[in-house]
All heavy atoms as atom14 arrays in JSON, in Angstrom:
{
  "sequence": "VCCSDGQHCCPQGTVCDLERSTCTSERPLASLPKVRDVKCDEETSCP",
  "atom14_mask": [
    [1, 1, 1, 1, 1, 1, 1, 0, 0, 0, 0, 0, 0, 0],
    [1, 1, 1, 1, 1, 1, 0, 0, 0, 0, 0, 0, 0, 0],
    [1, 1, 1, 1, 1, 1, 0, 0, 0, 0, 0, 0, 0, 0],
    [1, 1, 1, 1, 1, 1, 0, 0, 0, 0, 0, 0, 0, 0],
    [1, 1, 1, 1, 1, 1, 1, 1, 0, 0, 0, 0, 0, 0],
    [1, 1, 1, 1, 0, 0, 0, 0, 0, 0, 0, 0, 0, 0],
    [1, 1, 1, 1, 1, 1, 1, 1, 1, 0, 0, 0, 0, 0],
    [1, 1, 1, 1, 1, 1, 1, 1, 1, 1, 0, 0, 0, 0],
    [1, 1, 1, 1, 1, 1, 0, 0, 0, 0, 0, 0, 0, 0],
    [1, 1, 1, 1, 1, 1, 0, 0, 0, 0, 0, 0, 0, 0],
    [1, 1, 1, 1, 1, 1, 1, 0, 0, 0, 0, 0, 0, 0],
    [1, 1, 1, 1, 1, 1, 1, 1, 1, 0, 0, 0, 0, 0],
    [1, 1, 1, 1, 0, 0, 0, 0, 0, 0, 0, 0, 0, 0],
    [1, 1, 1, 1, 1, 1, 1, 0, 0, 0, 0, 0, 0, 0],
    [1, 1, 1, 1, 1, 1, 1, 0, 0, 0, 0, 0, 0, 0],
    [1, 1, 1, 1, 1, 1, 0, 0, 0, 0, 0, 0, 0, 0],
    [1, 1, 1, 1, 1, 1, 1, 1, 0, 0, 0, 0, 0, 0],
    [1, 1, 1, 1, 1, 1, 1, 1, 0, 0, 0, 0, 0, 0],
    [1, 1, 1, 1, 1, 1, 1, 1, 1, 0, 0, 0, 0, 0],
    [1, 1, 1, 1, 1, 1, 1, 1, 1, 1, 1, 0, 0, 0],
    [1, 1, 1, 1, 1, 1, 0, 0, 0, 0, 0, 0, 0, 0],
    [1, 1, 1, 1, 1, 1, 1, 0, 0, 0, 0, 0, 0, 0],
    [1, 1, 1, 1, 1, 1, 0, 0, 0, 0, 0, 0, 0, 0],
    [1, 1, 1, 1, 1, 1, 1, 0, 0, 0, 0, 0, 0, 0],
    [1, 1, 1, 1, 1, 1, 0, 0, 0, 0, 0, 0, 0, 0],
    [1, 1, 1, 1, 1, 1, 1, 1, 1, 0, 0, 0, 0, 0],
    [1, 1, 1, 1, 1, 1, 1, 1, 1, 1, 1, 0, 0, 0],
    [1, 1, 1, 1, 1, 1, 1, 0, 0, 0, 0, 0, 0, 0],
    [1, 1, 1, 1, 1, 1, 1, 1, 0, 0, 0, 0, 0, 0],
    [1, 1, 1, 1, 1, 0, 0, 0, 0, 0, 0, 0, 0, 0],
    [1, 1, 1, 1, 1, 1, 0, 0, 0, 0, 0, 0, 0, 0],
    [1, 1, 1, 1, 1, 1, 1, 1, 0, 0, 0, 0, 0, 0],
    [1, 1, 1, 1, 1, 1, 1, 0, 0, 0, 0, 0, 0, 0],
    [1, 1, 1, 1, 1, 1, 1, 1, 1, 0, 0, 0, 0, 0],
    [1, 1, 1, 1, 1, 1, 1, 0, 0, 0, 0, 0, 0, 0],
    [1, 1, 1, 1, 1, 1, 1, 1, 1, 1, 1, 0, 0, 0],
    [1, 1, 1, 1, 1, 1, 1, 1, 0, 0, 0, 0, 0, 0],
    [1, 1, 1, 1, 1, 1, 1, 0, 0, 0, 0, 0, 0, 0],
    [1, 1, 1, 1, 1, 1, 1, 1, 1, 0, 0, 0, 0, 0],
    [1, 1, 1, 1, 1, 1, 0, 0, 0, 0, 0, 0, 0, 0],
    [1, 1, 1, 1, 1, 1, 1, 1, 0, 0, 0, 0, 0, 0],
    [1, 1, 1, 1, 1, 1, 1, 1, 1, 0, 0, 0, 0, 0],
    [1, 1, 1, 1, 1, 1, 1, 1, 1, 0, 0, 0, 0, 0],
    [1, 1, 1, 1, 1, 1, 1, 0, 0, 0, 0, 0, 0, 0],
    [1, 1, 1, 1, 1, 1, 0, 0, 0, 0, 0, 0, 0, 0],
    [1, 1, 1, 1, 1, 1, 0, 0, 0, 0, 0, 0, 0, 0],
    [1, 1, 1, 1, 1, 1, 1, 0, 0, 0, 0, 0, 0, 0]
  ],
  "atom14_positions": [
    [[72.63, 138.79, 100.0], [71.61, 138.6, 98.97], [70.92, 139.95, 98.8], [70.42, 140.52, 99.76], [70.59, 137.53, 99.41], [69.47, 137.41, 98.39], [71.27, 136.19, 99.62], [0.0, 0.0, 0.0], [0.0, 0.0, 0.0], [0.0, 0.0, 0.0], [0.0, 0.0, 0.0], [0.0, 0.0, 0.0], [0.0, 0.0, 0.0], [0.0, 0.0, 0.0]],
    [[70.93, 140.49, 97.57], [70.28, 141.77, 97.31], [68.8, 141.52, 97.01], [68.47, 140.71, 96.14], [70.93, 142.46, 96.12], [72.72, 142.72, 96.34], [0.0, 0.0, 0.0], [0.0, 0.0, 0.0], [0.0, 0.0, 0.0], [0.0, 0.0, 0.0], [0.0, 0.0, 0.0], [0.0, 0.0, 0.0], [0.0, 0.0, 0.0], [0.0, 0.0, 0.0]],
    [[67.93, 142.2, 97.72], [66.48, 141.99, 97.5], [66.02, 142.72, 96.24], [66.6, 143.73, 95.84], [65.7, 142.47, 98.72], [66.14, 141.6, 100.24], [0.0, 0.0, 0.0], [0.0, 0.0, 0.0], [0.0, 0.0, 0.0], [0.0, 0.0, 0.0], [0.0, 0.0, 0.0], [0.0, 0.0, 0.0], [0.0, 0.0, 0.0], [0.0, 0.0, 0.0]],
    [[64.96, 142.19, 95.65], [64.49, 142.71, 94.35], [63.89, 144.1, 94.45], [63.7, 144.76, 93.43], [63.47, 141.74, 93.76], [62.37, 141.57, 94.65], [0.0, 0.0, 0.0], [0.0, 0.0, 0.0], [0.0, 0.0, 0.0], [0.0, 0.0, 0.0], [0.0, 0.0, 0.0], [0.0, 0.0, 0.0], [0.0, 0.0, 0.0], [0.0, 0.0, 0.0]],
    [[63.58, 144.6, 95.67], [63.0, 145.94, 95.79], [64.07, 147.03, 95.64], [63.75, 148.21, 95.6], [62.27, 146.11, 97.12], [63.19, 146.0, 98.34], [64.38, 145.63, 98.16], [62.72, 146.28, 99.45], [0.0, 0.0, 0.0], [0.0, 0.0, 0.0], [0.0, 0.0, 0.0], [0.0, 0.0, 0.0], [0.0, 0.0, 0.0], [0.0, 0.0, 0.0]],
    [[65.35, 146.62, 95.56], [66.43, 147.59, 95.39], [66.73, 148.4, 96.63], [67.48, 149.36, 96.58], [0.0, 0.0, 0.0], [0.0, 0.0, 0.0], [0.0, 0.0, 0.0], [0.0, 0.0, 0.0], [0.0, 0.0, 0.0], [0.0, 0.0, 0.0], [0.0, 0.0, 0.0], [0.0, 0.0, 0.0], [0.0, 0.0, 0.0], [0.0, 0.0, 0.0]],
    [[66.15, 148.01, 97.77], [66.35, 148.78, 99.0], [66.88, 147.95, 100.16], [67.46, 148.49, 101.08], [65.02, 149.42, 99.43], [64.53, 150.48, 98.45], [63.18, 151.02, 98.83], [62.36, 150.31, 99.39], [62.94, 152.28, 98.53], [0.0, 0.0, 0.0], [0.0, 0.0, 0.0], [0.0, 0.0, 0.0], [0.0, 0.0, 0.0], [0.0, 0.0, 0.0]],
    [[66.66, 146.66, 100.11], [67.04, 145.81, 101.24], [68.0, 144.71, 100.81], [68.17, 144.45, 99.62], [65.78, 145.19, 101.89], [64.84, 146.21, 102.45], [63.78, 146.71, 101.73], [64.83, 146.84, 103.66], [63.14, 147.6, 102.47], [63.76, 147.7, 103.63], [0.0, 0.0, 0.0], [0.0, 0.0, 0.0], [0.0, 0.0, 0.0], [0.0, 0.0, 0.0]],
    [[68.6, 144.07, 101.82], [69.49, 142.94, 101.56], [69.4, 141.97, 102.73], [68.96, 142.34, 103.82], [70.93, 143.41, 101.34], [71.6, 144.39, 102.71], [0.0, 0.0, 0.0], [0.0, 0.0, 0.0], [0.0, 0.0, 0.0], [0.0, 0.0, 0.0], [0.0, 0.0, 0.0], [0.0, 0.0, 0.0], [0.0, 0.0, 0.0], [0.0, 0.0, 0.0]],
    [[69.82, 140.75, 102.49], [69.73, 139.69, 103.5], [71.06, 138.95, 103.59], [71.83, 138.93, 102.63], [68.63, 138.69, 103.12], [66.96, 139.31, 103.46], [0.0, 0.0, 0.0], [0.0, 0.0, 0.0], [0.0, 0.0, 0.0], [0.0, 0.0, 0.0], [0.0, 0.0, 0.0], [0.0, 0.0, 0.0], [0.0, 0.0, 0.0], [0.0, 0.0, 0.0]],
    [[71.32, 138.3, 104.74], [72.57, 137.55, 104.88], [72.66, 136.4, 103.89], [71.64, 135.9, 103.4], [72.51, 137.01, 106.32], [71.49, 137.84, 107.02], [70.51, 138.26, 105.97], [0.0, 0.0, 0.0], [0.0, 0.0, 0.0], [0.0, 0.0, 0.0], [0.0, 0.0, 0.0], [0.0, 0.0, 0.0], [0.0, 0.0, 0.0], [0.0, 0.0, 0.0]],
    [[73.9, 135.99, 103.61], [74.15, 134.86, 102.71], [73.41, 133.63, 103.21], [73.33, 133.38, 104.41], [75.66, 134.59, 102.69], [76.08, 133.5, 101.71], [77.59, 133.29, 101.74], [78.25, 133.68, 102.69], [78.13, 132.67, 100.72], [0.0, 0.0, 0.0], [0.0, 0.0, 0.0], [0.0, 0.0, 0.0], [0.0, 0.0, 0.0], [0.0, 0.0, 0.0]],
    [[72.84, 132.86, 102.3], [72.14, 131.63, 102.67], [70.7, 131.84, 103.04], [70.01, 130.9, 103.42], [0.0, 0.0, 0.0], [0.0, 0.0, 0.0], [0.0, 0.0, 0.0], [0.0, 0.0, 0.0], [0.0, 0.0, 0.0], [0.0, 0.0, 0.0], [0.0, 0.0, 0.0], [0.0, 0.0, 0.0], [0.0, 0.0, 0.0], [0.0, 0.0, 0.0]],
    [[70.21, 133.1, 102.95], [68.8, 133.36, 103.23], [68.15, 133.94, 101.98], [68.83, 134.26, 101.01], [68.62, 134.34, 104.4], [69.13, 135.62, 104.02], [69.34, 133.85, 105.65], [0.0, 0.0, 0.0], [0.0, 0.0, 0.0], [0.0, 0.0, 0.0], [0.0, 0.0, 0.0], [0.0, 0.0, 0.0], [0.0, 0.0, 0.0], [0.0, 0.0, 0.0]],
    [[66.83, 134.08, 102.01], [66.12, 134.71, 100.89], [65.29, 135.87, 101.44], [64.9, 135.87, 102.6], [65.2, 133.7, 100.14], [66.02, 132.7, 99.36], [64.26, 132.99, 101.09], [0.0, 0.0, 0.0], [0.0, 0.0, 0.0], [0.0, 0.0, 0.0], [0.0, 0.0, 0.0], [0.0, 0.0, 0.0], [0.0, 0.0, 0.0], [0.0, 0.0, 0.0]],
    [[65.06, 136.85, 100.58], [64.27, 138.02, 100.97], [62.79, 137.67, 100.97], [62.27, 137.16, 99.98], [64.5, 139.16, 99.98], [66.23, 139.59, 99.75], [0.0, 0.0, 0.0], [0.0, 0.0, 0.0], [0.0, 0.0, 0.0], [0.0, 0.0, 0.0], [0.0, 0.0, 0.0], [0.0, 0.0, 0.0], [0.0, 0.0, 0.0], [0.0, 0.0, 0.0]],
    [[62.13, 137.92, 102.08], [60.67, 137.78, 102.15], [60.13, 139.19, 102.27], [59.96, 139.72, 103.36], [60.29, 136.92, 103.37], [58.79, 136.62, 103.43], [58.03, 137.29, 102.69], [58.39, 135.74, 104.22], [0.0, 0.0, 0.0], [0.0, 0.0, 0.0], [0.0, 0.0, 0.0], [0.0, 0.0, 0.0], [0.0, 0.0, 0.0], [0.0, 0.0, 0.0]],
    [[59.89, 139.81, 101.1], [59.49, 141.22, 101.08], [58.11, 141.43, 101.68], [57.83, 142.49, 102.24], [59.55, 141.76, 99.65], [60.95, 141.78, 99.01], [60.88, 142.19, 97.56], [61.88, 142.7, 99.78], [0.0, 0.0, 0.0], [0.0, 0.0, 0.0], [0.0, 0.0, 0.0], [0.0, 0.0, 0.0], [0.0, 0.0, 0.0], [0.0, 0.0, 0.0]],
    [[57.26, 140.42, 101.59], [55.91, 140.55, 102.17], [55.98, 140.72, 103.68], [55.25, 141.51, 104.26], [55.06, 139.31, 101.83], [54.59, 139.29, 100.38], [53.74, 138.06, 100.06], [53.2, 137.45, 101.01], [53.62, 137.73, 98.87], [0.0, 0.0, 0.0], [0.0, 0.0, 0.0], [0.0, 0.0, 0.0], [0.0, 0.0, 0.0], [0.0, 0.0, 0.0]],
    [[56.86, 139.97, 104.31], [56.96, 140.03, 105.78], [58.15, 140.89, 106.23], [58.39, 141.02, 107.42], [57.11, 138.62, 106.36], [55.91, 137.73, 106.1], [56.13, 136.35, 106.73], [55.05, 135.43, 106.43], [54.94, 134.72, 105.31], [55.87, 134.83, 104.37], [53.94, 133.91, 105.12], [0.0, 0.0, 0.0], [0.0, 0.0, 0.0], [0.0, 0.0, 0.0]],
    [[58.87, 141.46, 105.27], [60.07, 142.27, 105.56], [61.07, 141.51, 106.42], [61.59, 142.03, 107.41], [59.67, 143.59, 106.24], [58.89, 144.36, 105.37], [0.0, 0.0, 0.0], [0.0, 0.0, 0.0], [0.0, 0.0, 0.0], [0.0, 0.0, 0.0], [0.0, 0.0, 0.0], [0.0, 0.0, 0.0], [0.0, 0.0, 0.0], [0.0, 0.0, 0.0]],
    [[61.31, 140.26, 106.07], [62.28, 139.44, 106.81], [63.17, 138.68, 105.85], [62.91, 138.62, 104.64], [61.58, 138.41, 107.74], [60.75, 137.57, 106.93], [60.76, 139.07, 108.81], [0.0, 0.0, 0.0], [0.0, 0.0, 0.0], [0.0, 0.0, 0.0], [0.0, 0.0, 0.0], [0.0, 0.0, 0.0], [0.0, 0.0, 0.0], [0.0, 0.0, 0.0]],
    [[64.23, 138.1, 106.4], [65.12, 137.22, 105.65], [64.86, 135.81, 106.15], [64.98, 135.56, 107.35], [66.57, 137.6, 105.9], [66.95, 139.32, 105.45], [0.0, 0.0, 0.0], [0.0, 0.0, 0.0], [0.0, 0.0, 0.0], [0.0, 0.0, 0.0], [0.0, 0.0, 0.0], [0.0, 0.0, 0.0], [0.0, 0.0, 0.0], [0.0, 0.0, 0.0]],
    [[64.48, 134.92, 105.27], [64.15, 133.57, 105.71], [65.23, 132.6, 105.27], [65.79, 132.74, 104.19], [62.78, 133.1, 105.16], [62.83, 133.18, 103.73], [61.66, 133.99, 105.67], [0.0, 0.0, 0.0], [0.0, 0.0, 0.0], [0.0, 0.0, 0.0], [0.0, 0.0, 0.0], [0.0, 0.0, 0.0], [0.0, 0.0, 0.0], [0.0, 0.0, 0.0]],
    [[65.48, 131.63, 106.11], [66.52, 130.64, 105.84], [65.99, 129.6, 104.88], [64.88, 129.13, 105.0], [66.96, 129.97, 107.14], [67.85, 128.92, 106.87], [0.0, 0.0, 0.0], [0.0, 0.0, 0.0], [0.0, 0.0, 0.0], [0.0, 0.0, 0.0], [0.0, 0.0, 0.0], [0.0, 0.0, 0.0], [0.0, 0.0, 0.0], [0.0, 0.0, 0.0]],
    [[66.83, 129.24, 103.9], [66.44, 128.19, 102.95], [67.31, 126.97, 103.15], [67.5, 126.17, 102.27], [66.62, 128.7, 101.52], [65.37, 129.27, 100.92], [65.42, 129.28, 99.41], [66.5, 129.37, 98.82], [64.35, 129.2, 98.8], [0.0, 0.0, 0.0], [0.0, 0.0, 0.0], [0.0, 0.0, 0.0], [0.0, 0.0, 0.0], [0.0, 0.0, 0.0]],
    [[67.88, 126.86, 104.37], [68.77, 125.74, 104.64], [68.0, 124.44, 104.47], [66.92, 124.29, 105.03], [69.29, 125.85, 106.08], [70.67, 125.25, 106.26], [71.2, 125.55, 107.63], [71.41, 126.98, 107.81], [71.17, 127.6, 108.96], [70.73, 126.95, 110.01], [71.39, 128.89, 109.06], [0.0, 0.0, 0.0], [0.0, 0.0, 0.0], [0.0, 0.0, 0.0]],
    [[68.49, 123.5, 103.68], [67.72, 122.27, 103.5], [67.59, 121.52, 104.82], [68.52, 121.48, 105.62], [68.54, 121.46, 102.49], [69.9, 122.05, 102.55], [69.75, 123.48, 102.94], [0.0, 0.0, 0.0], [0.0, 0.0, 0.0], [0.0, 0.0, 0.0], [0.0, 0.0, 0.0], [0.0, 0.0, 0.0], [0.0, 0.0, 0.0], [0.0, 0.0, 0.0]],
    [[66.44, 120.97, 105.04], [66.19, 120.22, 106.27], [66.89, 118.87, 106.2], [66.88, 118.22, 105.17], [64.68, 120.02, 106.47], [63.87, 121.31, 106.52], [62.39, 120.98, 106.52], [64.22, 122.13, 107.74], [0.0, 0.0, 0.0], [0.0, 0.0, 0.0], [0.0, 0.0, 0.0], [0.0, 0.0, 0.0], [0.0, 0.0, 0.0], [0.0, 0.0, 0.0]],
    [[67.48, 118.48, 107.3], [68.14, 117.17, 107.34], [67.09, 116.09, 107.2], [66.08, 116.09, 107.88], [68.88, 117.02, 108.66], [0.0, 0.0, 0.0], [0.0, 0.0, 0.0], [0.0, 0.0, 0.0], [0.0, 0.0, 0.0], [0.0, 0.0, 0.0], [0.0, 0.0, 0.0], [0.0, 0.0, 0.0], [0.0, 0.0, 0.0], [0.0, 0.0, 0.0]],
    [[67.29, 115.2, 106.28], [66.31, 114.14, 106.12], [66.99, 112.88, 105.61], [68.02, 112.93, 104.96], [65.21, 114.55, 105.13], [65.77, 114.8, 103.86], [0.0, 0.0, 0.0], [0.0, 0.0, 0.0], [0.0, 0.0, 0.0], [0.0, 0.0, 0.0], [0.0, 0.0, 0.0], [0.0, 0.0, 0.0], [0.0, 0.0, 0.0], [0.0, 0.0, 0.0]],
    [[66.4, 111.78, 105.93], [66.86, 110.5, 105.44], [65.79, 109.97, 104.51], [64.62, 110.32, 104.64], [67.02, 109.51, 106.61], [68.19, 109.79, 107.57], [68.13, 108.81, 108.71], [69.51, 109.67, 106.86], [0.0, 0.0, 0.0], [0.0, 0.0, 0.0], [0.0, 0.0, 0.0], [0.0, 0.0, 0.0], [0.0, 0.0, 0.0], [0.0, 0.0, 0.0]],
    [[66.16, 109.13, 103.56], [65.12, 108.57, 102.71], [64.16, 107.73, 103.54], [64.47, 107.32, 104.65], [65.9, 107.69, 101.72], [67.22, 107.45, 102.36], [67.5, 108.64, 103.23], [0.0, 0.0, 0.0], [0.0, 0.0, 0.0], [0.0, 0.0, 0.0], [0.0, 0.0, 0.0], [0.0, 0.0, 0.0], [0.0, 0.0, 0.0], [0.0, 0.0, 0.0]],
    [[63.01, 107.51, 102.96], [61.99, 106.71, 103.63], [62.59, 105.35, 104.02], [63.33, 104.75, 103.27], [60.82, 106.5, 102.66], [59.65, 105.78, 103.27], [58.59, 105.55, 102.21], [57.54, 104.6, 102.71], [56.61, 104.2, 101.68], [0.0, 0.0, 0.0], [0.0, 0.0, 0.0], [0.0, 0.0, 0.0], [0.0, 0.0, 0.0], [0.0, 0.0, 0.0]],
    [[62.27, 104.94, 105.23], [62.79, 103.66, 105.7], [62.14, 102.55, 104.89], [60.93, 102.5, 104.75], [62.47, 103.49, 107.22], [62.9, 102.13, 107.7], [63.17, 104.58, 108.0], [0.0, 0.0, 0.0], [0.0, 0.0, 0.0], [0.0, 0.0, 0.0], [0.0, 0.0, 0.0], [0.0, 0.0, 0.0], [0.0, 0.0, 0.0], [0.0, 0.0, 0.0]],
    [[62.97, 101.65, 104.35], [62.44, 100.61, 103.47], [62.71, 99.22, 103.99], [62.68, 98.27, 103.24], [63.03, 100.77, 102.07], [62.62, 102.05, 101.38], [63.21, 102.11, 99.99], [62.88, 103.36, 99.32], [61.78, 103.56, 98.62], [60.88, 102.6, 98.5], [61.56, 104.71, 98.03], [0.0, 0.0, 0.0], [0.0, 0.0, 0.0], [0.0, 0.0, 0.0]],
    [[63.03, 99.1, 105.28], [63.23, 97.76, 105.84], [61.96, 96.94, 105.66], [60.85, 97.45, 105.77], [63.57, 97.84, 107.33], [65.06, 98.11, 107.54], [65.77, 98.22, 106.53], [65.48, 98.23, 108.7], [0.0, 0.0, 0.0], [0.0, 0.0, 0.0], [0.0, 0.0, 0.0], [0.0, 0.0, 0.0], [0.0, 0.0, 0.0], [0.0, 0.0, 0.0]],
    [[62.16, 95.65, 105.37], [61.02, 94.74, 105.25], [60.73, 94.21, 106.65], [61.57, 93.57, 107.27], [61.35, 93.58, 104.29], [60.17, 92.6, 104.2], [61.72, 94.12, 102.92], [0.0, 0.0, 0.0], [0.0, 0.0, 0.0], [0.0, 0.0, 0.0], [0.0, 0.0, 0.0], [0.0, 0.0, 0.0], [0.0, 0.0, 0.0], [0.0, 0.0, 0.0]],
    [[59.56, 94.54, 107.16], [59.22, 94.19, 108.53], [58.67, 92.76, 108.58], [57.74, 92.44, 107.86], [58.17, 95.19, 109.02], [58.0, 95.24, 110.5], [57.08, 96.42, 110.82], [56.69, 96.39, 112.28], [55.76, 97.45, 112.6], [0.0, 0.0, 0.0], [0.0, 0.0, 0.0], [0.0, 0.0, 0.0], [0.0, 0.0, 0.0], [0.0, 0.0, 0.0]],
    [[59.3, 91.9, 109.39], [58.81, 90.52, 109.55], [57.73, 90.47, 110.63], [56.69, 89.85, 110.46], [59.97, 89.59, 109.9], [61.27, 89.57, 108.64], [0.0, 0.0, 0.0], [0.0, 0.0, 0.0], [0.0, 0.0, 0.0], [0.0, 0.0, 0.0], [0.0, 0.0, 0.0], [0.0, 0.0, 0.0], [0.0, 0.0, 0.0], [0.0, 0.0, 0.0]],
    [[58.04, 91.09, 111.78], [57.06, 91.23, 112.85], [57.42, 92.51, 113.61], [58.23, 93.31, 113.14], [57.02, 89.99, 113.76], [58.35, 89.66, 114.41], [59.18, 90.59, 114.56], [58.58, 88.5, 114.77], [0.0, 0.0, 0.0], [0.0, 0.0, 0.0], [0.0, 0.0, 0.0], [0.0, 0.0, 0.0], [0.0, 0.0, 0.0], [0.0, 0.0, 0.0]],
    [[56.85, 92.69, 114.79], [57.1, 93.91, 115.55], [58.56, 94.06, 115.98], [59.02, 95.15, 116.25], [56.2, 93.95, 116.8], [54.72, 94.18, 116.51], [54.46, 95.5, 115.79], [55.06, 96.52, 116.17], [53.66, 95.52, 114.84], [0.0, 0.0, 0.0], [0.0, 0.0, 0.0], [0.0, 0.0, 0.0], [0.0, 0.0, 0.0], [0.0, 0.0, 0.0]],
    [[59.29, 92.95, 116.04], [60.64, 93.0, 116.57], [61.74, 92.74, 115.55], [62.9, 93.06, 115.8], [60.78, 91.98, 117.73], [59.99, 92.4, 118.95], [59.73, 91.25, 119.9], [60.31, 90.17, 119.69], [58.94, 91.45, 120.82], [0.0, 0.0, 0.0], [0.0, 0.0, 0.0], [0.0, 0.0, 0.0], [0.0, 0.0, 0.0], [0.0, 0.0, 0.0]],
    [[61.4, 92.1, 114.45], [62.44, 91.75, 113.47], [62.14, 92.3, 112.08], [60.98, 92.5, 111.72], [62.64, 90.22, 113.37], [61.35, 89.63, 113.21], [63.31, 89.66, 114.6], [0.0, 0.0, 0.0], [0.0, 0.0, 0.0], [0.0, 0.0, 0.0], [0.0, 0.0, 0.0], [0.0, 0.0, 0.0], [0.0, 0.0, 0.0], [0.0, 0.0, 0.0]],
    [[63.21, 92.52, 111.33], [63.05, 93.01, 109.96], [64.2, 92.53, 109.1], [65.24, 92.1, 109.59], [62.98, 94.54, 109.95], [64.21, 95.08, 110.39], [0.0, 0.0, 0.0], [0.0, 0.0, 0.0], [0.0, 0.0, 0.0], [0.0, 0.0, 0.0], [0.0, 0.0, 0.0], [0.0, 0.0, 0.0], [0.0, 0.0, 0.0], [0.0, 0.0, 0.0]],
    [[64.0, 92.63, 107.79], [65.02, 92.27, 106.81], [65.36, 93.5, 105.97], [64.54, 94.4, 105.85], [64.5, 91.16, 105.89], [64.39, 89.56, 106.73], [0.0, 0.0, 0.0], [0.0, 0.0, 0.0], [0.0, 0.0, 0.0], [0.0, 0.0, 0.0], [0.0, 0.0, 0.0], [0.0, 0.0, 0.0], [0.0, 0.0, 0.0], [0.0, 0.0, 0.0]],
    [[66.56, 93.54, 105.39], [66.92, 94.7, 104.56], [65.99, 94.85, 103.35], [65.33, 93.89, 102.94], [68.34, 94.38, 104.1], [68.83, 93.34, 105.05], [67.64, 92.56, 105.47], [0.0, 0.0, 0.0], [0.0, 0.0, 0.0], [0.0, 0.0, 0.0], [0.0, 0.0, 0.0], [0.0, 0.0, 0.0], [0.0, 0.0, 0.0], [0.0, 0.0, 0.0]]
  ]
}
């Protein structure tokens, strides 16, 4: 990745953080959608 200052570059999959002079990862965080089970009580639930 070529940085916009025309002087630096960063590895593929990262972005240039010119303020901190670093390359930061933009890898999406693993996440699941919000759990939507219908809770009947503390021990049982329905879809």
